[in-house]
Amino acid sequence: MTVTIDLSAERFAELTTIAEAAGVPVEEWLHREVEGLIDRNRSFRSAADYVLEKNAELYRRLAK
């Protein structure tokens, strides 16, 4: 799937500099960053679900 975003010329230049410093094309750098963001979000949700499930009884008692 392809996604298109609008960036100012200044922001695109910054992005290009960052990608070049990482030694990869802009598209690859963005792809890696988006994948990392999705993975971190998934990990956070998984941890939050675990804590909520583990402490469900405590939360029910505190709500009374």
PDB file of N, CA and C in Angstrom:
ATOM      1  N   MET A   1       0.846  -1.165   0.000  1.00  0.00           N
ATOM      2  CA  MET A   1       0.000   0.000   0.000  1.00  0.00           C
ATOM      3  C   MET A   1       0.890   1.226   0.000  1.00  0.00           C
ATOM      4  N   THR A   2       0.440   2.247  -0.636  1.00  0.00           N
ATOM      5  CA  THR A   2       1.178   3.493  -0.727  1.00  0.00           C
ATOM      6  C   THR A   2       0.431   4.588   0.008  1.00  0.00           C
ATOM      7  N   VAL A   3       1.183   5.401   0.732  1.00  0.00           N
ATOM      8  CA  VAL A   3       0.624   6.546   1.452  1.00  0.00           C
ATOM      9  C   VAL A   3       1.380   7.781   0.992  1.00  0.00           C
ATOM     10  N   THR A   4       0.648   8.848   0.780  1.00  0.00           N
ATOM     11  CA  THR A   4       1.259  10.098   0.368  1.00  0.00           C
ATOM     12  C   THR A   4       1.025  11.140   1.452  1.00  0.00           C
ATOM     13  N   ILE A   5       2.084  11.857   1.818  1.00  0.00           N
ATOM     14  CA  ILE A   5       1.947  12.935   2.794  1.00  0.00           C
ATOM     15  C   ILE A   5       2.560  14.207   2.220  1.00  0.00           C
ATOM     16  N   ASP A   6       2.036  15.329   2.638  1.00  0.00           N
ATOM     17  CA  ASP A   6       2.573  16.618   2.213  1.00  0.00           C
ATOM     18  C   ASP A   6       3.521  17.140   3.280  1.00  0.00           C
ATOM     19  N   LEU A   7       4.721  17.515   2.860  1.00  0.00           N
ATOM     20  CA  LEU A   7       5.706  18.125   3.740  1.00  0.00           C
ATOM     21  C   LEU A   7       6.187  19.418   3.108  1.00  0.00           C
ATOM     22  N   SER A   8       6.513  20.372   3.939  1.00  0.00           N
ATOM     23  CA  SER A   8       7.125  21.586   3.409  1.00  0.00           C
ATOM     24  C   SER A   8       8.507  21.216   2.873  1.00  0.00           C
ATOM     25  N   ALA A   9       9.043  22.070   2.023  1.00  0.00           N
ATOM     26  CA  ALA A   9      10.380  21.825   1.478  1.00  0.00           C
ATOM     27  C   ALA A   9      11.402  21.768   2.603  1.00  0.00           C
ATOM     28  N   GLU A  10      11.210  22.593   3.615  1.00  0.00           N
ATOM     29  CA  GLU A  10      12.124  22.612   4.756  1.00  0.00           C
ATOM     30  C   GLU A  10      12.086  21.289   5.510  1.00  0.00           C
ATOM     31  N   ARG A  11      10.895  20.781   5.773  1.00  0.00           N
ATOM     32  CA  ARG A  11      10.763  19.509   6.489  1.00  0.00           C
ATOM     33  C   ARG A  11      11.323  18.356   5.666  1.00  0.00           C
ATOM     34  N   PHE A  12      11.068  18.376   4.360  1.00  0.00           N
ATOM     35  CA  PHE A  12      11.587  17.311   3.507  1.00  0.00           C
ATOM     36  C   PHE A  12      13.115  17.338   3.497  1.00  0.00           C
ATOM     37  N   ALA A  13      13.695  18.528   3.501  1.00  0.00           N
ATOM     38  CA  ALA A  13      15.155  18.642   3.541  1.00  0.00           C
ATOM     39  C   ALA A  13      15.693  18.064   4.851  1.00  0.00           C
ATOM     40  N   GLU A  14      15.008  18.348   5.962  1.00  0.00           N
ATOM     41  CA  GLU A  14      15.413  17.778   7.249  1.00  0.00           C
ATOM     42  C   GLU A  14      15.327  16.255   7.216  1.00  0.00           C
ATOM     43  N   LEU A  15      14.233  15.760   6.674  1.00  0.00           N
ATOM     44  CA  LEU A  15      14.038  14.320   6.574  1.00  0.00           C
ATOM     45  C   LEU A  15      15.132  13.679   5.724  1.00  0.00           C
ATOM     46  N   THR A  16      15.460  14.313   4.632  1.00  0.00           N
ATOM     47  CA  THR A  16      16.511  13.809   3.754  1.00  0.00           C
ATOM     48  C   THR A  16      17.847  13.755   4.486  1.00  0.00           C
ATOM     49  N   THR A  17      18.139  14.789   5.255  1.00  0.00           N
ATOM     50  CA  THR A  17      19.385  14.824   6.025  1.00  0.00           C
ATOM     51  C   THR A  17      19.436  13.682   7.029  1.00  0.00           C
ATOM     52  N   ILE A  18      18.334  13.441   7.709  1.00  0.00           N
ATOM     53  CA  ILE A  18      18.269  12.359   8.697  1.00  0.00           C
ATOM     54  C   ILE A  18      18.479  11.003   8.020  1.00  0.00           C
ATOM     55  N   ALA A  19      17.790  10.789   6.908  1.00  0.00           N
ATOM     56  CA  ALA A  19      17.914   9.510   6.193  1.00  0.00           C
ATOM     57  C   ALA A  19      19.333   9.315   5.668  1.00  0.00           C
ATOM     58  N   GLU A  20      19.913  10.383   5.128  1.00  0.00           N
ATOM     59  CA  GLU A  20      21.283  10.283   4.617  1.00  0.00           C
ATOM     60  C   GLU A  20      22.258   9.945   5.743  1.00  0.00           C
ATOM     61  N   ALA A  21      22.052  10.527   6.914  1.00  0.00           N
ATOM     62  CA  ALA A  21      22.923  10.236   8.067  1.00  0.00           C
ATOM     63  C   ALA A  21      22.802   8.767   8.471  1.00  0.00           C
ATOM     64  N   ALA A  22      21.611   8.202   8.262  1.00  0.00           N
ATOM     65  CA  ALA A  22      21.395   6.781   8.570  1.00  0.00           C
ATOM     66  C   ALA A  22      21.883   5.888   7.436  1.00  0.00           C
ATOM     67  N   GLY A  23      22.230   6.494   6.307  1.00  0.00           N
ATOM     68  CA  GLY A  23      22.759   5.736   5.177  1.00  0.00           C
ATOM     69  C   GLY A  23      21.710   4.989   4.380  1.00  0.00           C
ATOM     70  N   VAL A  24      20.464   5.495   4.415  1.00  0.00           N
ATOM     71  CA  VAL A  24      19.387   4.831   3.679  1.00  0.00           C
ATOM     72  C   VAL A  24      18.561   5.876   2.920  1.00  0.00           C
ATOM     73  N   PRO A  25      17.850   5.435   1.884  1.00  0.00           N
ATOM     74  CA  PRO A  25      16.950   6.354   1.187  1.00  0.00           C
ATOM     75  C   PRO A  25      15.815   6.810   2.113  1.00  0.00           C
ATOM     76  N   VAL A  26      15.261   7.964   1.817  1.00  0.00           N
ATOM     77  CA  VAL A  26      14.168   8.521   2.618  1.00  0.00           C
ATOM     78  C   VAL A  26      13.037   7.513   2.770  1.00  0.00           C
ATOM     79  N   GLU A  27      12.655   6.873   1.679  1.00  0.00           N
ATOM     80  CA  GLU A  27      11.535   5.929   1.721  1.00  0.00           C
ATOM     81  C   GLU A  27      11.807   4.787   2.694  1.00  0.00           C
ATOM     82  N   GLU A  28      13.034   4.267   2.687  1.00  0.00           N
ATOM     83  CA  GLU A  28      13.381   3.164   3.584  1.00  0.00           C
ATOM     84  C   GLU A  28      13.394   3.640   5.035  1.00  0.00           C
ATOM     85  N   TRP A  29      13.938   4.830   5.279  1.00  0.00           N
ATOM     86  CA  TRP A  29      13.973   5.366   6.631  1.00  0.00           C
ATOM     87  C   TRP A  29      12.557   5.540   7.170  1.00  0.00           C
ATOM     88  N   LEU A  30      11.682   6.108   6.344  1.00  0.00           N
ATOM     89  CA  LEU A  30      10.292   6.289   6.766  1.00  0.00           C
ATOM     90  C   LEU A  30       9.621   4.949   7.035  1.00  0.00           C
ATOM     91  N   HIS A  31       9.861   3.979   6.174  1.00  0.00           N
ATOM     92  CA  HIS A  31       9.266   2.656   6.344  1.00  0.00           C
ATOM     93  C   HIS A  31       9.697   2.053   7.680  1.00  0.00           C
ATOM     94  N   ARG A  32      10.986   2.127   7.979  1.00  0.00           N
ATOM     95  CA  ARG A  32      11.492   1.590   9.248  1.00  0.00           C
ATOM     96  C   ARG A  32      10.870   2.303  10.444  1.00  0.00           C
ATOM     97  N   GLU A  33      10.768   3.613  10.346  1.00  0.00           N
ATOM     98  CA  GLU A  33      10.204   4.392  11.453  1.00  0.00           C
ATOM     99  C   GLU A  33       8.734   4.059  11.684  1.00  0.00           C
ATOM    100  N   VAL A  34       7.970   3.931  10.616  1.00  0.00           N
ATOM    101  CA  VAL A  34       6.551   3.595  10.745  1.00  0.00           C
ATOM    102  C   VAL A  34       6.398   2.195  11.323  1.00  0.00           C
ATOM    103  N   GLU A  35       7.192   1.255  10.844  1.00  0.00           N
ATOM    104  CA  GLU A  35       7.143  -0.107  11.391  1.00  0.00           C
ATOM    105  C   GLU A  35       7.471  -0.101  12.880  1.00  0.00           C
ATOM    106  N   GLY A  36       8.489   0.660  13.260  1.00  0.00           N
ATOM    107  CA  GLY A  36       8.858   0.750  14.668  1.00  0.00           C
ATOM    108  C   GLY A  36       7.752   1.361  15.509  1.00  0.00           C
ATOM    109  N   LEU A  37       7.110   2.384  14.990  1.00  0.00           N
ATOM    110  CA  LEU A  37       6.003   3.023  15.688  1.00  0.00           C
ATOM    111  C   LEU A  37       4.859   2.040  15.907  1.00  0.00           C
ATOM    112  N   ILE A  38       4.528   1.286  14.891  1.00  0.00           N
ATOM    113  CA  ILE A  38       3.458   0.291  14.995  1.00  0.00           C
ATOM    114  C   ILE A  38       3.838  -0.787  16.004  1.00  0.00           C
ATOM    115  N   ASP A  39       5.085  -1.252  15.959  1.00  0.00           N
ATOM    116  CA  ASP A  39       5.533  -2.286  16.899  1.00  0.00           C
ATOM    117  C   ASP A  39       5.504  -1.781  18.339  1.00  0.00           C
ATOM    118  N   ARG A  40       5.963  -0.544  18.558  1.00  0.00           N
ATOM    119  CA  ARG A  40       5.944   0.015  19.919  1.00  0.00           C
ATOM    120  C   ARG A  40       4.518   0.167  20.417  1.00  0.00           C
ATOM    121  N   ASN A  41       3.624   0.594  19.542  1.00  0.00           N
ATOM    122  CA  ASN A  41       2.222   0.736  19.923  1.00  0.00           C
ATOM    123  C   ASN A  41       1.628  -0.622  20.278  1.00  0.00           C
ATOM    124  N   ARG A  42       1.937  -1.630  19.483  1.00  0.00           N
ATOM    125  CA  ARG A  42       1.437  -2.984  19.739  1.00  0.00           C
ATOM    126  C   ARG A  42       1.974  -3.499  21.073  1.00  0.00           C
ATOM    127  N   SER A  43       3.249  -3.264  21.347  1.00  0.00           N
ATOM    128  CA  SER A  43       3.845  -3.697  22.605  1.00  0.00           C
ATOM    129  C   SER A  43       3.196  -2.997  23.790  1.00  0.00           C
ATOM    130  N   PHE A  44       2.948  -1.693  23.643  1.00  0.00           N
ATOM    131  CA  PHE A  44       2.317  -0.943  24.719  1.00  0.00           C
ATOM    132  C   PHE A  44       0.912  -1.469  24.990  1.00  0.00           C
ATOM    133  N   ARG A  45       0.147  -1.672  23.925  1.00  0.00           N
ATOM    134  CA  ARG A  45      -1.220  -2.184  24.106  1.00  0.00           C
ATOM    135  C   ARG A  45      -1.210  -3.554  24.768  1.00  0.00           C
ATOM    136  N   SER A  46      -0.274  -4.388  24.379  1.00  0.00           N
ATOM    137  CA  SER A  46      -0.174  -5.721  24.961  1.00  0.00           C
ATOM    138  C   SER A  46       0.150  -5.625  26.449  1.00  0.00           C
ATOM    139  N   ALA A  47       1.094  -4.763  26.806  1.00  0.00           N
ATOM    140  CA  ALA A  47       1.454  -4.589  28.215  1.00  0.00           C
ATOM    141  C   ALA A  47       0.284  -4.003  29.000  1.00  0.00           C
ATOM    142  N   ALA A  48      -0.393  -3.022  28.428  1.00  0.00           N
ATOM    143  CA  ALA A  48      -1.539  -2.411  29.108  1.00  0.00           C
ATOM    144  C   ALA A  48      -2.652  -3.429  29.312  1.00  0.00           C
ATOM    145  N   ASP A  49      -2.930  -4.230  28.306  1.00  0.00           N
ATOM    146  CA  ASP A  49      -3.962  -5.273  28.434  1.00  0.00           C
ATOM    147  C   ASP A  49      -3.595  -6.263  29.536  1.00  0.00           C
ATOM    148  N   TYR A  50      -2.311  -6.637  29.599  1.00  0.00           N
ATOM    149  CA  TYR A  50      -1.857  -7.566  30.625  1.00  0.00           C
ATOM    150  C   TYR A  50      -2.080  -6.977  32.019  1.00  0.00           C
ATOM    151  N   VAL A  51      -1.678  -5.730  32.211  1.00  0.00           N
ATOM    152  CA  VAL A  51      -1.829  -5.083  33.523  1.00  0.00           C
ATOM    153  C   VAL A  51      -3.302  -4.952  33.888  1.00  0.00           C
ATOM    154  N   LEU A  52      -4.123  -4.538  32.923  1.00  0.00           N
ATOM    155  CA  LEU A  52      -5.550  -4.398  33.206  1.00  0.00           C
ATOM    156  C   LEU A  52      -6.176  -5.731  33.583  1.00  0.00           C
ATOM    157  N   GLU A  53      -5.812  -6.790  32.859  1.00  0.00           N
ATOM    158  CA  GLU A  53      -6.360  -8.112  33.155  1.00  0.00           C
ATOM    159  C   GLU A  53      -5.856  -8.622  34.508  1.00  0.00           C
ATOM    160  N   LYS A  54      -4.566  -8.453  34.751  1.00  0.00           N
ATOM    161  CA  LYS A  54      -3.974  -8.939  35.995  1.00  0.00           C
ATOM    162  C   LYS A  54      -4.575  -8.241  37.209  1.00  0.00           C
ATOM    163  N   ASN A  55      -4.891  -6.966  37.073  1.00  0.00           N
ATOM    164  CA  ASN A  55      -5.381  -6.180  38.201  1.00  0.00           C
ATOM    165  C   ASN A  55      -6.882  -5.921  38.161  1.00  0.00           C
ATOM    166  N   ALA A  56      -7.606  -6.647  37.345  1.00  0.00           N
ATOM    167  CA  ALA A  56      -9.043  -6.410  37.183  1.00  0.00           C
ATOM    168  C   ALA A  56      -9.793  -6.479  38.509  1.00  0.00           C
ATOM    169  N   GLU A  57      -9.496  -7.474  39.314  1.00  0.00           N
ATOM    170  CA  GLU A  57     -10.184  -7.618  40.600  1.00  0.00           C
ATOM    171  C   GLU A  57      -9.891  -6.427  41.508  1.00  0.00           C
ATOM    172  N   LEU A  58      -8.665  -6.007  41.558  1.00  0.00           N
ATOM    173  CA  LEU A  58      -8.288  -4.845  42.362  1.00  0.00           C
ATOM    174  C   LEU A  58      -9.050  -3.604  41.888  1.00  0.00           C
ATOM    175  N   TYR A  59      -9.118  -3.411  40.584  1.00  0.00           N
ATOM    176  CA  TYR A  59      -9.831  -2.244  40.046  1.00  0.00           C
ATOM    177  C   TYR A  59     -11.318  -2.304  40.409  1.00  0.00           C
ATOM    178  N   ARG A  60     -11.899  -3.507  40.380  1.00  0.00           N
ATOM    179  CA  ARG A  60     -13.313  -3.641  40.750  1.00  0.00           C
ATOM    180  C   ARG A  60     -13.515  -3.256  42.222  1.00  0.00           C
ATOM    181  N   ARG A  61     -12.610  -3.703  43.081  1.00  0.00           N
ATOM    182  CA  ARG A  61     -12.732  -3.363  44.514  1.00  0.00           C
ATOM    183  C   ARG A  61     -12.529  -1.865  44.757  1.00  0.00           C
ATOM    184  N   LEU A  62     -11.600  -1.276  44.064  1.00  0.00           N
ATOM    185  CA  LEU A  62     -11.343   0.152  44.240  1.00  0.00           C
ATOM    186  C   LEU A  62     -12.497   1.004  43.713  1.00  0.00           C
ATOM    187  N   ALA A  63     -13.224   0.500  42.751  1.00  0.00           N
ATOM    188  CA  ALA A  63     -14.333   1.255  42.153  1.00  0.00           C
ATOM    189  C   ALA A  63     -15.543   1.337  43.077  1.00  0.00           C
ATOM    190  N   LYS A  64     -15.587   0.479  44.072  1.00  0.00           N
ATOM    191  CA  LYS A  64     -16.752   0.461  44.991  1.00  0.00           C
ATOM    192  C   LYS A  64     -16.674   1.565  45.991  1.00  0.00           C
TER     193      LYS A  64
END
